Amino acid sequence: MIEIKTKLRRWGNSFGVVVPMGAVEKERMNEGDEIKITIGHNKSNILRETFGIHKFKKPISQLMEEIDKELYDV
């Protein structure tokens, strides 16, 4: 089993995907073969979507200095 990245395309009133020939050859697939497809949306930034965006009141460099001072007594 291999994983490929492809774009969803409109075909009439439906959508479809194109499987690259290299993947077809690698898996030794033929026309008419039954295949299994796992569908998932490609999320660009899963951390941002999970935790959101936080606006800090202080610059990051100042926060890092405070953390260093607190943790390491620098």
C-alpha atoms as a PDB file:
ATOM      1  CA  MET A   1       0.000   0.000   0.000  1.00  0.00           C
ATOM      2  CA  ILE A   2       1.287   3.466  -0.869  1.00  0.00           C
ATOM      3  CA  GLU A   3       0.127   6.975  -0.085  1.00  0.00           C
ATOM      4  CA  ILE A   4      -0.264   9.560  -2.841  1.00  0.00           C
ATOM      5  CA  LYS A   5      -1.176  13.222  -2.820  1.00  0.00           C
ATOM      6  CA  THR A   6      -3.540  14.352  -5.576  1.00  0.00           C
ATOM      7  CA  LYS A   7      -6.179  16.993  -6.233  1.00  0.00           C
ATOM      8  CA  LEU A   8      -9.920  16.500  -6.312  1.00  0.00           C
ATOM      9  CA  ARG A   9     -11.314  17.300  -9.775  1.00  0.00           C
ATOM     10  CA  ARG A  10     -14.821  17.866 -11.068  1.00  0.00           C
ATOM     11  CA  TRP A  11     -16.097  15.347 -13.622  1.00  0.00           C
ATOM     12  CA  GLY A  12     -19.589  16.376 -14.721  1.00  0.00           C
ATOM     13  CA  ASN A  13     -21.832  16.270 -11.645  1.00  0.00           C
ATOM     14  CA  SER A  14     -19.272  14.294  -9.633  1.00  0.00           C
ATOM     15  CA  PHE A  15     -15.738  14.609  -8.318  1.00  0.00           C
ATOM     16  CA  GLY A  16     -12.844  12.282  -8.986  1.00  0.00           C
ATOM     17  CA  VAL A  17      -9.149  11.773  -8.399  1.00  0.00           C
ATOM     18  CA  VAL A  18      -6.388  10.814 -10.802  1.00  0.00           C
ATOM     19  CA  VAL A  19      -4.028   8.087  -9.660  1.00  0.00           C
ATOM     20  CA  PRO A  20      -0.515   8.727 -11.017  1.00  0.00           C
ATOM     21  CA  MET A  21       0.797   6.075 -13.403  1.00  0.00           C
ATOM     22  CA  GLY A  22       3.823   5.480 -11.169  1.00  0.00           C
ATOM     23  CA  ALA A  23       1.525   4.450  -8.305  1.00  0.00           C
ATOM     24  CA  VAL A  24      -0.485   2.204 -10.622  1.00  0.00           C
ATOM     25  CA  GLU A  25       2.667   0.468 -11.840  1.00  0.00           C
ATOM     26  CA  LYS A  26       4.154   0.165  -8.349  1.00  0.00           C
ATOM     27  CA  GLU A  27       1.019  -1.527  -7.013  1.00  0.00           C
ATOM     28  CA  ARG A  28       0.592  -3.560 -10.233  1.00  0.00           C
ATOM     29  CA  MET A  29      -2.976  -2.374 -10.690  1.00  0.00           C
ATOM     30  CA  ASN A  30      -4.987  -2.911 -13.849  1.00  0.00           C
ATOM     31  CA  GLU A  31      -8.101  -1.320 -15.283  1.00  0.00           C
ATOM     32  CA  GLY A  32     -11.143  -2.773 -13.562  1.00  0.00           C
ATOM     33  CA  ASP A  33      -9.296  -3.730 -10.373  1.00  0.00           C
ATOM     34  CA  GLU A  34     -11.112  -2.939  -7.164  1.00  0.00           C
ATOM     35  CA  ILE A  35      -9.089  -0.549  -5.003  1.00  0.00           C
ATOM     36  CA  LYS A  36      -9.517   0.913  -1.531  1.00  0.00           C
ATOM     37  CA  ILE A  37      -9.204   4.685  -1.056  1.00  0.00           C
ATOM     38  CA  THR A  38      -8.872   6.451   2.298  1.00  0.00           C
ATOM     39  CA  ILE A  39     -10.038  10.041   2.078  1.00  0.00           C
ATOM     40  CA  GLY A  40      -8.773  12.864   4.267  1.00  0.00           C
ATOM     41  CA  HIS A  41      -8.538  16.600   3.841  1.00  0.00           C
ATOM     42  CA  ASN A  42      -4.998  17.969   3.777  1.00  0.00           C
ATOM     43  CA  LYS A  43      -4.783  20.382   6.701  1.00  0.00           C
ATOM     44  CA  SER A  44      -2.037  22.943   6.327  1.00  0.00           C
ATOM     45  CA  ASN A  45      -1.521  23.731  10.024  1.00  0.00           C
ATOM     46  CA  ILE A  46      -3.087  21.190  12.369  1.00  0.00           C
ATOM     47  CA  LEU A  47      -1.653  22.854  15.496  1.00  0.00           C
ATOM     48  CA  ARG A  48      -3.203  26.211  14.652  1.00  0.00           C
ATOM     49  CA  GLU A  49      -6.542  24.553  13.912  1.00  0.00           C
ATOM     50  CA  THR A  50      -6.406  22.594  17.153  1.00  0.00           C
ATOM     51  CA  PHE A  51      -5.213  25.309  19.528  1.00  0.00           C
ATOM     52  CA  GLY A  52      -6.074  28.528  17.682  1.00  0.00           C
ATOM     53  CA  ILE A  53      -4.022  31.704  17.530  1.00  0.00           C
ATOM     54  CA  HIS A  54      -2.838  33.480  20.656  1.00  0.00           C
ATOM     55  CA  LYS A  55      -1.832  37.134  20.666  1.00  0.00           C
ATOM     56  CA  PHE A  56       0.874  37.755  23.256  1.00  0.00           C
ATOM     57  CA  LYS A  57       1.019  41.064  25.128  1.00  0.00           C
ATOM     58  CA  LYS A  58       4.822  40.898  25.313  1.00  0.00           C
ATOM     59  CA  PRO A  59       7.325  40.131  22.571  1.00  0.00           C
ATOM     60  CA  ILE A  60       8.362  36.474  22.399  1.00  0.00           C
ATOM     61  CA  SER A  61      11.994  37.362  23.109  1.00  0.00           C
ATOM     62  CA  GLN A  62      10.959  39.002  26.393  1.00  0.00           C
ATOM     63  CA  LEU A  63       8.808  36.006  27.339  1.00  0.00           C
ATOM     64  CA  MET A  64      11.715  33.646  26.611  1.00  0.00           C
ATOM     65  CA  GLU A  65      14.051  35.747  28.783  1.00  0.00           C
ATOM     66  CA  GLU A  66      11.545  35.630  31.648  1.00  0.00           C
ATOM     67  CA  ILE A  67      11.189  31.865  31.299  1.00  0.00           C
ATOM     68  CA  ASP A  68      14.976  31.408  31.287  1.00  0.00           C
ATOM     69  CA  LYS A  69      15.297  33.588  34.365  1.00  0.00           C
ATOM     70  CA  GLU A  70      12.548  31.681  36.164  1.00  0.00           C
ATOM     71  CA  LEU A  71      13.789  28.209  35.200  1.00  0.00           C
ATOM     72  CA  TYR A  72      17.558  28.624  35.253  1.00  0.00           C
ATOM     73  CA  ASP A  73      17.991  31.681  37.483  1.00  0.00           C
ATOM     74  CA  VAL A  74      20.044  33.340  34.711  1.00  0.00           C
END
